[in-house]
Amino acid sequence: MSQQTRLGGSRGFSYQRSASAFIAPAVVLSVVMLYLPFLWTGYLSFTEFNGLGDPEFVGVENYIDMVQDPGIWISIRNTLMWVVGTLLLPVGMGLMIALLCHGLPGGVWFRLPFLVPYAVSGIAVGVIWTFVLQTDGALTQVLQLLGLPGADARWLLDSPLNTVVMIIAAAWQGSGVNALLFGVGLQSIPQEPIEAARLDGASGWSMFRHITWPLLTPLTTVVVGLSIVGSLKTFDIVWGMTKGGPGRDSETLALTMYKQTFVSNNYGLGAAVALLLTLVTVGASVIYLRQQLRRI
């Protein structure tokens, strides 16, 4: 082996060690902050633990209790409603706002009012919309004043109506940021395909369906993926508006996990729900992203 080859190998090894040294803190932080808590939660899901003393191993008893609990199926139903509603409303409205503002002089200023609610916390959004939707709230009073139907609706008390109106509240908060993302995507679309399509007579819906929408696919994949993950973990708006009530009629999986763990002090069952929520979130994200990336 020549001296030059040995020097090259030595330098490569040195670069590899330097790269490893830079990566190591991130790897350690990920292990400490993500993987160890996940493993600890997985262990707790097989125990009976109230936060005091030592956990007592009970096998799959918590999972059996979870499956036999009628409330968990209500939480799963509501969580699925949140997934579908989030895709139809915040994502759909964000896309519509971006399309309407695209190309307009000062279009960014038209999107700004829709972006402001995103700066408000989920709990604050819940408080605002509770004032609007509660019994004898602002919406009921307006409907009574105008003589319109719906004045007697119990917006936050009847299921699944309460989940529907909370999804609308979430759409009010999240549509603006989706409009911003779609607006960036529309600005990044090359003009050559658009101009060629116009020369061929494409416009309106045909332009959007055959040109604009396919070119937005990479960004849409990201926006929809983030929306799916966010909707599966929905907690703050529900807690701020109904706290999962009345009873457990508007609970989501995230809220069930919280109440079982920190309200009922049933850490084992709460950990089982947390593990279920984690697996569903990761599984849904992986399946969706794999299907979408194959089309790109």
C-alpha atoms as a PDB file:
ATOM      1  CA  MET A   1       0.000   0.000   0.000  1.00  0.00           C
ATOM      2  CA  SER A   2       1.430   3.359  -1.005  1.00  0.00           C
ATOM      3  CA  GLN A   3       1.930   6.218   1.393  1.00  0.00           C
ATOM      4  CA  GLN A   4      -0.655   8.309  -0.502  1.00  0.00           C
ATOM      5  CA  THR A   5      -3.274   5.574  -0.035  1.00  0.00           C
ATOM      6  CA  ARG A   6      -2.508   5.368   3.675  1.00  0.00           C
ATOM      7  CA  LEU A   7      -2.832   9.145   4.031  1.00  0.00           C
ATOM      8  CA  GLY A   8      -6.134   9.091   2.158  1.00  0.00           C
ATOM      9  CA  GLY A   9      -7.469   6.351   4.410  1.00  0.00           C
ATOM     10  CA  SER A  10      -6.294   8.216   7.498  1.00  0.00           C
ATOM     11  CA  ARG A  11      -8.030  11.403   6.376  1.00  0.00           C
ATOM     12  CA  GLY A  12     -11.254   9.527   5.609  1.00  0.00           C
ATOM     13  CA  PHE A  13     -11.215   7.951   9.066  1.00  0.00           C
ATOM     14  CA  SER A  14     -10.569  11.373  10.609  1.00  0.00           C
ATOM     15  CA  TYR A  15     -13.507  12.901   8.714  1.00  0.00           C
ATOM     16  CA  GLN A  16     -15.731  10.024   9.802  1.00  0.00           C
ATOM     17  CA  ARG A  17     -14.794  10.535  13.443  1.00  0.00           C
ATOM     18  CA  SER A  18     -15.441  14.269  13.141  1.00  0.00           C
ATOM     19  CA  ALA A  19     -18.838  13.651  11.572  1.00  0.00           C
ATOM     20  CA  SER A  20     -19.704  11.145  14.299  1.00  0.00           C
ATOM     21  CA  ALA A  21     -18.717  13.677  16.944  1.00  0.00           C
ATOM     22  CA  PHE A  22     -21.088  16.248  15.456  1.00  0.00           C
ATOM     23  CA  ILE A  23     -23.964  13.756  15.126  1.00  0.00           C
ATOM     24  CA  ALA A  24     -23.530  12.175  18.570  1.00  0.00           C
ATOM     25  CA  PRO A  25     -25.243  14.962  20.616  1.00  0.00           C
ATOM     26  CA  ALA A  26     -28.330  14.816  18.385  1.00  0.00           C
ATOM     27  CA  VAL A  27     -28.451  11.020  18.637  1.00  0.00           C
ATOM     28  CA  VAL A  28     -28.099  11.118  22.429  1.00  0.00           C
ATOM     29  CA  LEU A  29     -30.771  13.814  22.718  1.00  0.00           C
ATOM     30  CA  SER A  30     -33.165  11.805  20.541  1.00  0.00           C
ATOM     31  CA  VAL A  31     -32.608   8.683  22.612  1.00  0.00           C
ATOM     32  CA  VAL A  32     -33.093  10.520  25.911  1.00  0.00           C
ATOM     33  CA  MET A  33     -36.081  12.642  24.844  1.00  0.00           C
ATOM     34  CA  LEU A  34     -37.909  10.226  22.508  1.00  0.00           C
ATOM     35  CA  TYR A  35     -36.975   6.580  22.733  1.00  0.00           C
ATOM     36  CA  LEU A  36     -36.491   6.177  26.492  1.00  0.00           C
ATOM     37  CA  PRO A  37     -39.882   7.804  27.335  1.00  0.00           C
ATOM     38  CA  PHE A  38     -41.528   5.616  24.683  1.00  0.00           C
ATOM     39  CA  LEU A  39     -39.996   2.473  26.191  1.00  0.00           C
ATOM     40  CA  TRP A  40     -40.983   3.584  29.709  1.00  0.00           C
ATOM     41  CA  THR A  41     -44.553   4.259  28.555  1.00  0.00           C
ATOM     42  CA  GLY A  42     -44.654   0.840  26.903  1.00  0.00           C
ATOM     43  CA  TYR A  43     -43.546  -0.751  30.177  1.00  0.00           C
ATOM     44  CA  LEU A  44     -46.135   1.197  32.204  1.00  0.00           C
ATOM     45  CA  SER A  45     -48.881  -0.019  29.876  1.00  0.00           C
ATOM     46  CA  PHE A  46     -48.334  -3.528  31.279  1.00  0.00           C
ATOM     47  CA  THR A  47     -48.516  -2.392  34.897  1.00  0.00           C
ATOM     48  CA  GLU A  48     -50.956  -1.050  37.470  1.00  0.00           C
ATOM     49  CA  PHE A  49     -49.569   2.253  38.694  1.00  0.00           C
ATOM     50  CA  ASN A  50     -51.170   5.285  40.343  1.00  0.00           C
ATOM     51  CA  GLY A  51     -48.105   7.515  40.352  1.00  0.00           C
ATOM     52  CA  LEU A  52     -46.959   6.462  43.829  1.00  0.00           C
ATOM     53  CA  GLY A  53     -44.878   3.490  44.840  1.00  0.00           C
ATOM     54  CA  ASP A  54     -43.681   0.896  42.359  1.00  0.00           C
ATOM     55  CA  PRO A  55     -45.580  -0.234  39.248  1.00  0.00           C
ATOM     56  CA  GLU A  56     -47.170  -3.682  39.578  1.00  0.00           C
ATOM     57  CA  PHE A  57     -46.928  -5.862  36.484  1.00  0.00           C
ATOM     58  CA  VAL A  58     -50.398  -7.003  35.309  1.00  0.00           C
ATOM     59  CA  GLY A  59     -49.682  -8.193  31.770  1.00  0.00           C
ATOM     60  CA  VAL A  60     -52.199  -7.226  29.077  1.00  0.00           C
ATOM     61  CA  GLU A  61     -54.957  -6.386  31.565  1.00  0.00           C
ATOM     62  CA  ASN A  62     -54.852  -2.680  30.678  1.00  0.00           C
ATOM     63  CA  TYR A  63     -55.275  -3.472  26.978  1.00  0.00           C
ATOM     64  CA  ILE A  64     -58.225  -5.751  27.741  1.00  0.00           C
ATOM     65  CA  ASP A  65     -59.815  -2.999  29.849  1.00  0.00           C
ATOM     66  CA  MET A  66     -59.177  -0.504  27.069  1.00  0.00           C
ATOM     67  CA  VAL A  67     -60.851  -2.644  24.403  1.00  0.00           C
ATOM     68  CA  GLN A  68     -63.827  -3.385  26.673  1.00  0.00           C
ATOM     69  CA  ASP A  69     -64.300   0.271  27.593  1.00  0.00           C
ATOM     70  CA  PRO A  70     -67.182   1.787  25.522  1.00  0.00           C
ATOM     71  CA  GLY A  71     -65.616   5.216  25.981  1.00  0.00           C
ATOM     72  CA  ILE A  72     -62.502   4.254  24.018  1.00  0.00           C
ATOM     73  CA  TRP A  73     -64.613   3.473  20.955  1.00  0.00           C
ATOM     74  CA  ILE A  74     -66.272   6.877  21.256  1.00  0.00           C
ATOM     75  CA  SER A  75     -62.791   8.418  21.399  1.00  0.00           C
ATOM     76  CA  ILE A  76     -61.708   6.481  18.308  1.00  0.00           C
ATOM     77  CA  ARG A  77     -64.857   7.583  16.442  1.00  0.00           C
ATOM     78  CA  ASN A  78     -64.293  11.221  17.384  1.00  0.00           C
ATOM     79  CA  THR A  79     -60.610  11.027  16.466  1.00  0.00           C
ATOM     80  CA  LEU A  80     -61.501   9.675  13.013  1.00  0.00           C
ATOM     81  CA  MET A  81     -64.019  12.512  12.647  1.00  0.00           C
ATOM     82  CA  TRP A  82     -61.234  14.952  13.443  1.00  0.00           C
ATOM     83  CA  VAL A  83     -58.995  13.400  10.775  1.00  0.00           C
ATOM     84  CA  VAL A  84     -61.667  13.619   8.074  1.00  0.00           C
ATOM     85  CA  GLY A  85     -62.880  17.058   9.159  1.00  0.00           C
ATOM     86  CA  THR A  86     -59.358  18.482   9.290  1.00  0.00           C
ATOM     87  CA  LEU A  87     -58.668  17.322   5.745  1.00  0.00           C
ATOM     88  CA  LEU A  88     -61.955  18.713   4.415  1.00  0.00           C
ATOM     89  CA  LEU A  89     -62.014  22.065   6.231  1.00  0.00           C
ATOM     90  CA  PRO A  90     -58.615  23.548   7.224  1.00  0.00           C
ATOM     91  CA  VAL A  91     -56.746  22.007   4.284  1.00  0.00           C
ATOM     92  CA  GLY A  92     -59.563  22.573   1.792  1.00  0.00           C
ATOM     93  CA  MET A  93     -60.219  26.122   2.945  1.00  0.00           C
ATOM     94  CA  GLY A  94     -56.502  26.904   2.981  1.00  0.00           C
ATOM     95  CA  LEU A  95     -56.185  25.742  -0.619  1.00  0.00           C
ATOM     96  CA  MET A  96     -59.230  27.779  -1.666  1.00  0.00           C
ATOM     97  CA  ILE A  97     -57.933  30.937   0.027  1.00  0.00           C
ATOM     98  CA  ALA A  98     -54.518  30.501  -1.580  1.00  0.00           C
ATOM     99  CA  LEU A  99     -56.062  30.035  -5.043  1.00  0.00           C
ATOM    100  CA  LEU A 100     -58.337  33.081  -4.679  1.00  0.00           C
ATOM    101  CA  CYS A 101     -55.475  35.307  -3.500  1.00  0.00           C
ATOM    102  CA  HIS A 102     -52.873  34.019  -5.944  1.00  0.00           C
ATOM    103  CA  GLY A 103     -51.979  36.538  -8.609  1.00  0.00           C
ATOM    104  CA  LEU A 104     -53.925  39.377  -7.007  1.00  0.00           C
ATOM    105  CA  PRO A 105     -52.054  42.644  -6.352  1.00  0.00           C
ATOM    106  CA  GLY A 106     -51.271  42.625  -2.635  1.00  0.00           C
ATOM    107  CA  GLY A 107     -52.573  39.075  -2.305  1.00  0.00           C
ATOM    108  CA  VAL A 108     -50.412  38.506   0.769  1.00  0.00           C
ATOM    109  CA  TRP A 109     -52.456  41.125   2.649  1.00  0.00           C
ATOM    110  CA  PHE A 110     -55.669  39.282   1.807  1.00  0.00           C
ATOM    111  CA  ARG A 111     -54.223  36.120   3.388  1.00  0.00           C
ATOM    112  CA  LEU A 112     -53.025  37.911   6.521  1.00  0.00           C
ATOM    113  CA  PRO A 113     -56.397  38.077   8.369  1.00  0.00           C
ATOM    114  CA  PHE A 114     -56.753  34.306   7.988  1.00  0.00           C
ATOM    115  CA  LEU A 115     -53.266  33.801   9.431  1.00  0.00           C
ATOM    116  CA  VAL A 116     -53.838  35.814  12.617  1.00  0.00           C
ATOM    117  CA  PRO A 117     -55.893  33.094  14.442  1.00  0.00           C
ATOM    118  CA  TYR A 118     -52.961  30.685  14.044  1.00  0.00           C
ATOM    119  CA  ALA A 119     -51.022  32.847  16.507  1.00  0.00           C
ATOM    120  CA  VAL A 120     -53.701  32.157  19.161  1.00  0.00           C
ATOM    121  CA  SER A 121     -53.252  29.109  21.382  1.00  0.00           C
ATOM    122  CA  GLY A 122     -55.651  26.197  21.131  1.00  0.00           C
ATOM    123  CA  ILE A 123     -57.005  26.848  24.635  1.00  0.00           C
ATOM    124  CA  ALA A 124     -57.687  30.492  23.746  1.00  0.00           C
ATOM    125  CA  VAL A 125     -59.482  29.369  20.580  1.00  0.00           C
ATOM    126  CA  GLY A 126     -61.573  27.056  22.736  1.00  0.00           C
ATOM    127  CA  VAL A 127     -62.506  29.904  25.093  1.00  0.00           C
ATOM    128  CA  ILE A 128     -63.466  32.204  22.197  1.00  0.00           C
ATOM    129  CA  TRP A 129     -65.634  29.606  20.486  1.00  0.00           C
ATOM    130  CA  THR A 130     -67.201  28.489  23.774  1.00  0.00           C
ATOM    131  CA  PHE A 131     -68.430  32.053  24.225  1.00  0.00           C
ATOM    132  CA  VAL A 132     -69.952  31.866  20.736  1.00  0.00           C
ATOM    133  CA  LEU A 133     -71.449  28.365  20.927  1.00  0.00           C
ATOM    134  CA  GLN A 134     -72.491  27.886  24.545  1.00  0.00           C
ATOM    135  CA  THR A 135     -76.161  27.752  25.544  1.00  0.00           C
ATOM    136  CA  ASP A 136     -77.556  31.291  25.151  1.00  0.00           C
ATOM    137  CA  GLY A 137     -74.212  32.225  23.633  1.00  0.00           C
ATOM    138  CA  ALA A 138     -73.512  34.737  20.881  1.00  0.00           C
ATOM    139  CA  LEU A 139     -74.556  32.449  18.003  1.00  0.00           C
ATOM    140  CA  THR A 140     -77.835  31.456  19.652  1.00  0.00           C
ATOM    141  CA  GLN A 141     -78.706  35.076  20.365  1.00  0.00           C
ATOM    142  CA  VAL A 142     -77.978  36.136  16.784  1.00  0.00           C
ATOM    143  CA  LEU A 143     -80.095  33.298  15.378  1.00  0.00           C
ATOM    144  CA  GLN A 144     -82.963  34.214  17.727  1.00  0.00           C
ATOM    145  CA  LEU A 145     -82.705  37.870  16.762  1.00  0.00           C
ATOM    146  CA  LEU A 146     -82.853  37.071  13.037  1.00  0.00           C
ATOM    147  CA  GLY A 147     -85.495  34.382  13.450  1.00  0.00           C
ATOM    148  CA  LEU A 148     -83.306  31.753  11.787  1.00  0.00           C
ATOM    149  CA  PRO A 149     -83.415  28.001  12.491  1.00  0.00           C
ATOM    150  CA  GLY A 150     -80.843  26.521  14.850  1.00  0.00           C
ATOM    151  CA  ALA A 151     -81.475  28.840  17.789  1.00  0.00           C
ATOM    152  CA  ASP A 152     -82.453  25.856  19.942  1.00  0.00           C
ATOM    153  CA  ALA A 153     -79.428  23.738  18.963  1.00  0.00           C
ATOM    154  CA  ARG A 154     -77.219  22.587  21.830  1.00  0.00           C
ATOM    155  CA  TRP A 155     -73.939  23.084  20.005  1.00  0.00           C
ATOM    156  CA  LEU A 156     -71.616  21.826  22.734  1.00  0.00           C
ATOM    157  CA  LEU A 157     -73.952  19.376  24.466  1.00  0.00           C
ATOM    158  CA  ASP A 158     -75.184  17.039  21.726  1.00  0.00           C
ATOM    159  CA  SER A 159     -72.905  14.438  20.134  1.00  0.00           C
ATOM    160  CA  PRO A 160     -71.580  14.317  17.430  1.00  0.00           C
ATOM    161  CA  LEU A 161     -72.624  17.954  16.829  1.00  0.00           C
ATOM    162  CA  ASN A 162     -70.135  19.142  19.464  1.00  0.00           C
ATOM    163  CA  THR A 163     -67.277  17.435  17.629  1.00  0.00           C
ATOM    164  CA  VAL A 164     -68.370  18.993  14.326  1.00  0.00           C
ATOM    165  CA  VAL A 165     -68.425  22.548  15.711  1.00  0.00           C
ATOM    166  CA  MET A 166     -65.030  22.024  17.364  1.00  0.00           C
ATOM    167  CA  ILE A 167     -63.619  20.938  13.998  1.00  0.00           C
ATOM    168  CA  ILE A 168     -65.011  24.196  12.574  1.00  0.00           C
ATOM    169  CA  ALA A 169     -63.238  26.087  15.366  1.00  0.00           C
ATOM    170  CA  ALA A 170     -60.004  24.285  14.495  1.00  0.00           C
ATOM    171  CA  ALA A 171     -60.546  25.191  10.827  1.00  0.00           C
ATOM    172  CA  TRP A 172     -60.872  28.849  11.809  1.00  0.00           C
ATOM    173  CA  GLN A 173     -57.494  28.596  13.514  1.00  0.00           C
ATOM    174  CA  GLY A 174     -55.619  26.453  10.984  1.00  0.00           C
ATOM    175  CA  SER A 175     -56.850  27.541   7.555  1.00  0.00           C
ATOM    176  CA  GLY A 176     -54.566  30.566   7.425  1.00  0.00           C
ATOM    177  CA  VAL A 177     -51.300  28.679   7.812  1.00  0.00           C
ATOM    178  CA  ASN A 178     -52.410  26.166   5.181  1.00  0.00           C
ATOM    179  CA  ALA A 179     -53.245  29.090   2.879  1.00  0.00           C
ATOM    180  CA  LEU A 180     -49.747  30.439   3.486  1.00  0.00           C
ATOM    181  CA  LEU A 181     -48.140  27.098   2.621  1.00  0.00           C
ATOM    182  CA  PHE A 182     -50.249  26.631  -0.490  1.00  0.00           C
ATOM    183  CA  GLY A 183     -49.518  30.231  -1.481  1.00  0.00           C
ATOM    184  CA  VAL A 184     -45.792  29.518  -1.337  1.00  0.00           C
ATOM    185  CA  GLY A 185     -46.375  26.405  -3.418  1.00  0.00           C
ATOM    186  CA  LEU A 186     -48.336  28.319  -6.052  1.00  0.00           C
ATOM    187  CA  GLN A 187     -45.569  30.914  -6.325  1.00  0.00           C
ATOM    188  CA  SER A 188     -42.977  28.181  -6.866  1.00  0.00           C
ATOM    189  CA  ILE A 189     -44.844  26.621  -9.816  1.00  0.00           C
ATOM    190  CA  PRO A 190     -42.929  27.258 -13.077  1.00  0.00           C
ATOM    191  CA  GLN A 191     -44.744  29.526 -15.512  1.00  0.00           C
ATOM    192  CA  GLU A 192     -43.882  27.546 -18.663  1.00  0.00           C
ATOM    193  CA  PRO A 193     -46.468  24.757 -18.126  1.00  0.00           C
ATOM    194  CA  ILE A 194     -49.102  27.348 -17.173  1.00  0.00           C
ATOM    195  CA  GLU A 195     -48.495  29.410 -20.306  1.00  0.00           C
ATOM    196  CA  ALA A 196     -48.448  26.320 -22.512  1.00  0.00           C
ATOM    197  CA  ALA A 197     -51.765  25.170 -21.032  1.00  0.00           C
ATOM    198  CA  ARG A 198     -53.305  28.589 -21.639  1.00  0.00           C
ATOM    199  CA  LEU A 199     -52.212  28.466 -25.263  1.00  0.00           C
ATOM    200  CA  ASP A 200     -53.993  25.120 -25.533  1.00  0.00           C
ATOM    201  CA  GLY A 201     -57.166  26.707 -24.172  1.00  0.00           C
ATOM    202  CA  ALA A 202     -57.024  25.484 -20.578  1.00  0.00           C
ATOM    203  CA  SER A 203     -58.514  27.751 -17.917  1.00  0.00           C
ATOM    204  CA  GLY A 204     -60.410  27.655 -14.655  1.00  0.00           C
ATOM    205  CA  TRP A 205     -61.178  24.157 -13.384  1.00  0.00           C
ATOM    206  CA  SER A 206     -59.362  22.360 -16.202  1.00  0.00           C
ATOM    207  CA  MET A 207     -56.216  24.412 -15.524  1.00  0.00           C
ATOM    208  CA  PHE A 208     -56.380  23.592 -11.807  1.00  0.00           C
ATOM    209  CA  ARG A 209     -57.154  19.888 -12.268  1.00  0.00           C
ATOM    210  CA  HIS A 210     -54.597  19.055 -14.961  1.00  0.00           C
ATOM    211  CA  ILE A 211     -51.781  21.565 -14.317  1.00  0.00           C
ATOM    212  CA  THR A 212     -51.873  23.370 -10.963  1.00  0.00           C
ATOM    213  CA  TRP A 213     -52.959  20.488  -8.740  1.00  0.00           C
ATOM    214  CA  PRO A 214     -50.386  17.955 -10.037  1.00  0.00           C
ATOM    215  CA  LEU A 215     -47.619  20.538  -9.638  1.00  0.00           C
ATOM    216  CA  LEU A 216     -48.751  21.155  -6.053  1.00  0.00           C
ATOM    217  CA  THR A 217     -48.607  17.446  -5.176  1.00  0.00           C
ATOM    218  CA  PRO A 218     -45.269  17.527  -3.248  1.00  0.00           C
ATOM    219  CA  LEU A 219     -46.442  20.412  -1.049  1.00  0.00           C
ATOM    220  CA  THR A 220     -49.904  18.914  -0.658  1.00  0.00           C
ATOM    221  CA  THR A 221     -48.309  15.699   0.607  1.00  0.00           C
ATOM    222  CA  VAL A 222     -46.571  17.634   3.374  1.00  0.00           C
ATOM    223  CA  VAL A 223     -49.621  19.712   4.318  1.00  0.00           C
ATOM    224  CA  VAL A 224     -51.969  16.717   4.420  1.00  0.00           C
ATOM    225  CA  GLY A 225     -49.412  14.629   6.333  1.00  0.00           C
ATOM    226  CA  LEU A 226     -49.025  17.314   8.994  1.00  0.00           C
ATOM    227  CA  SER A 227     -52.808  17.696   9.203  1.00  0.00           C
ATOM    228  CA  ILE A 228     -53.313  13.967   9.737  1.00  0.00           C
ATOM    229  CA  VAL A 229     -50.737  13.861  12.530  1.00  0.00           C
ATOM    230  CA  GLY A 230     -52.131  17.008  14.158  1.00  0.00           C
ATOM    231  CA  SER A 231     -55.736  15.787  14.037  1.00  0.00           C
ATOM    232  CA  LEU A 232     -54.835  12.431  15.572  1.00  0.00           C
ATOM    233  CA  LYS A 233     -53.279  14.277  18.529  1.00  0.00           C
ATOM    234  CA  THR A 234     -56.091  16.801  18.986  1.00  0.00           C
ATOM    235  CA  PHE A 235     -56.340  17.871  22.609  1.00  0.00           C
ATOM    236  CA  ASP A 236     -56.245  21.586  23.403  1.00  0.00           C
ATOM    237  CA  ILE A 237     -59.364  22.834  21.595  1.00  0.00           C
ATOM    238  CA  VAL A 238     -61.460  19.919  22.908  1.00  0.00           C
ATOM    239  CA  TRP A 239     -60.221  20.496  26.447  1.00  0.00           C
ATOM    240  CA  GLY A 240     -60.888  24.219  26.183  1.00  0.00           C
ATOM    241  CA  MET A 241     -64.437  23.801  24.855  1.00  0.00           C
ATOM    242  CA  THR A 242     -65.987  20.660  26.354  1.00  0.00           C
ATOM    243  CA  LYS A 243     -63.277  18.834  28.357  1.00  0.00           C
ATOM    244  CA  GLY A 244     -64.491  15.744  26.527  1.00  0.00           C
ATOM    245  CA  GLY A 245     -68.064  16.097  27.725  1.00  0.00           C
ATOM    246  CA  PRO A 246     -70.837  15.833  28.279  1.00  0.00           C
ATOM    247  CA  GLY A 247     -69.704  12.604  29.874  1.00  0.00           C
ATOM    248  CA  ARG A 248     -67.172  11.265  27.361  1.00  0.00           C
ATOM    249  CA  ASP A 249     -69.144  12.078  24.214  1.00  0.00           C
ATOM    250  CA  SER A 250     -66.543  14.406  22.667  1.00  0.00           C
ATOM    251  CA  GLU A 251     -63.328  12.812  23.895  1.00  0.00           C
ATOM    252  CA  THR A 252     -60.474  12.101  21.517  1.00  0.00           C
ATOM    253  CA  LEU A 253     -57.740   9.529  22.092  1.00  0.00           C
ATOM    254  CA  ALA A 254     -55.358  12.229  23.319  1.00  0.00           C
ATOM    255  CA  LEU A 255     -57.938  13.507  25.812  1.00  0.00           C
ATOM    256  CA  THR A 256     -58.730   9.966  26.996  1.00  0.00           C
ATOM    257  CA  MET A 257     -55.024   9.393  27.569  1.00  0.00           C
ATOM    258  CA  TYR A 258     -54.757  12.608  29.605  1.00  0.00           C
ATOM    259  CA  LYS A 259     -57.841  11.969  31.739  1.00  0.00           C
ATOM    260  CA  GLN A 260     -56.947   8.355  32.491  1.00  0.00           C
ATOM    261  CA  THR A 261     -53.402   9.321  33.470  1.00  0.00           C
ATOM    262  CA  PHE A 262     -53.661  12.650  35.267  1.00  0.00           C
ATOM    263  CA  VAL A 263     -57.320  12.833  36.341  1.00  0.00           C
ATOM    264  CA  SER A 264     -58.037   9.212  37.264  1.00  0.00           C
ATOM    265  CA  ASN A 265     -54.373   8.492  38.203  1.00  0.00           C
ATOM    266  CA  ASN A 266     -54.567   5.262  36.226  1.00  0.00           C
ATOM    267  CA  TYR A 267     -51.115   5.490  34.664  1.00  0.00           C
ATOM    268  CA  GLY A 268     -51.174   1.966  33.300  1.00  0.00           C
ATOM    269  CA  LEU A 269     -54.362   2.410  31.284  1.00  0.00           C
ATOM    270  CA  GLY A 270     -53.281   5.901  30.254  1.00  0.00           C
ATOM    271  CA  ALA A 271     -49.988   4.487  28.983  1.00  0.00           C
ATOM    272  CA  ALA A 272     -51.872   1.830  27.005  1.00  0.00           C
ATOM    273  CA  VAL A 273     -53.977   4.531  25.323  1.00  0.00           C
ATOM    274  CA  ALA A 274     -50.827   6.583  24.685  1.00  0.00           C
ATOM    275  CA  LEU A 275     -49.152   3.598  23.049  1.00  0.00           C
ATOM    276  CA  LEU A 276     -52.241   2.987  20.900  1.00  0.00           C
ATOM    277  CA  LEU A 277     -52.298   6.646  19.850  1.00  0.00           C
ATOM    278  CA  THR A 278     -48.577   6.576  19.010  1.00  0.00           C
ATOM    279  CA  LEU A 279     -48.885   3.447  16.891  1.00  0.00           C
ATOM    280  CA  VAL A 280     -51.958   4.797  15.054  1.00  0.00           C
ATOM    281  CA  THR A 281     -50.244   8.147  14.377  1.00  0.00           C
ATOM    282  CA  VAL A 282     -46.995   6.609  13.155  1.00  0.00           C
ATOM    283  CA  GLY A 283     -48.812   3.953  11.130  1.00  0.00           C
ATOM    284  CA  ALA A 284     -51.144   6.435   9.433  1.00  0.00           C
ATOM    285  CA  SER A 285     -48.242   8.767   8.636  1.00  0.00           C
ATOM    286  CA  VAL A 286     -46.053   6.032   7.174  1.00  0.00           C
ATOM    287  CA  ILE A 287     -48.852   4.535   5.068  1.00  0.00           C
ATOM    288  CA  TYR A 288     -49.924   7.912   3.712  1.00  0.00           C
ATOM    289  CA  LEU A 289     -46.409   9.137   2.933  1.00  0.00           C
ATOM    290  CA  ARG A 290     -45.441   5.881   1.207  1.00  0.00           C
ATOM    291  CA  GLN A 291     -48.507   6.017  -1.019  1.00  0.00           C
ATOM    292  CA  GLN A 292     -47.959   9.653  -1.888  1.00  0.00           C
ATOM    293  CA  LEU A 293     -44.213   9.399  -2.510  1.00  0.00           C
ATOM    294  CA  ARG A 294     -44.820   6.609  -5.007  1.00  0.00           C
ATOM    295  CA  ARG A 295     -46.911   9.017  -7.090  1.00  0.00           C
ATOM    296  CA  ILE A 296     -44.313  11.795  -7.126  1.00  0.00           C
END
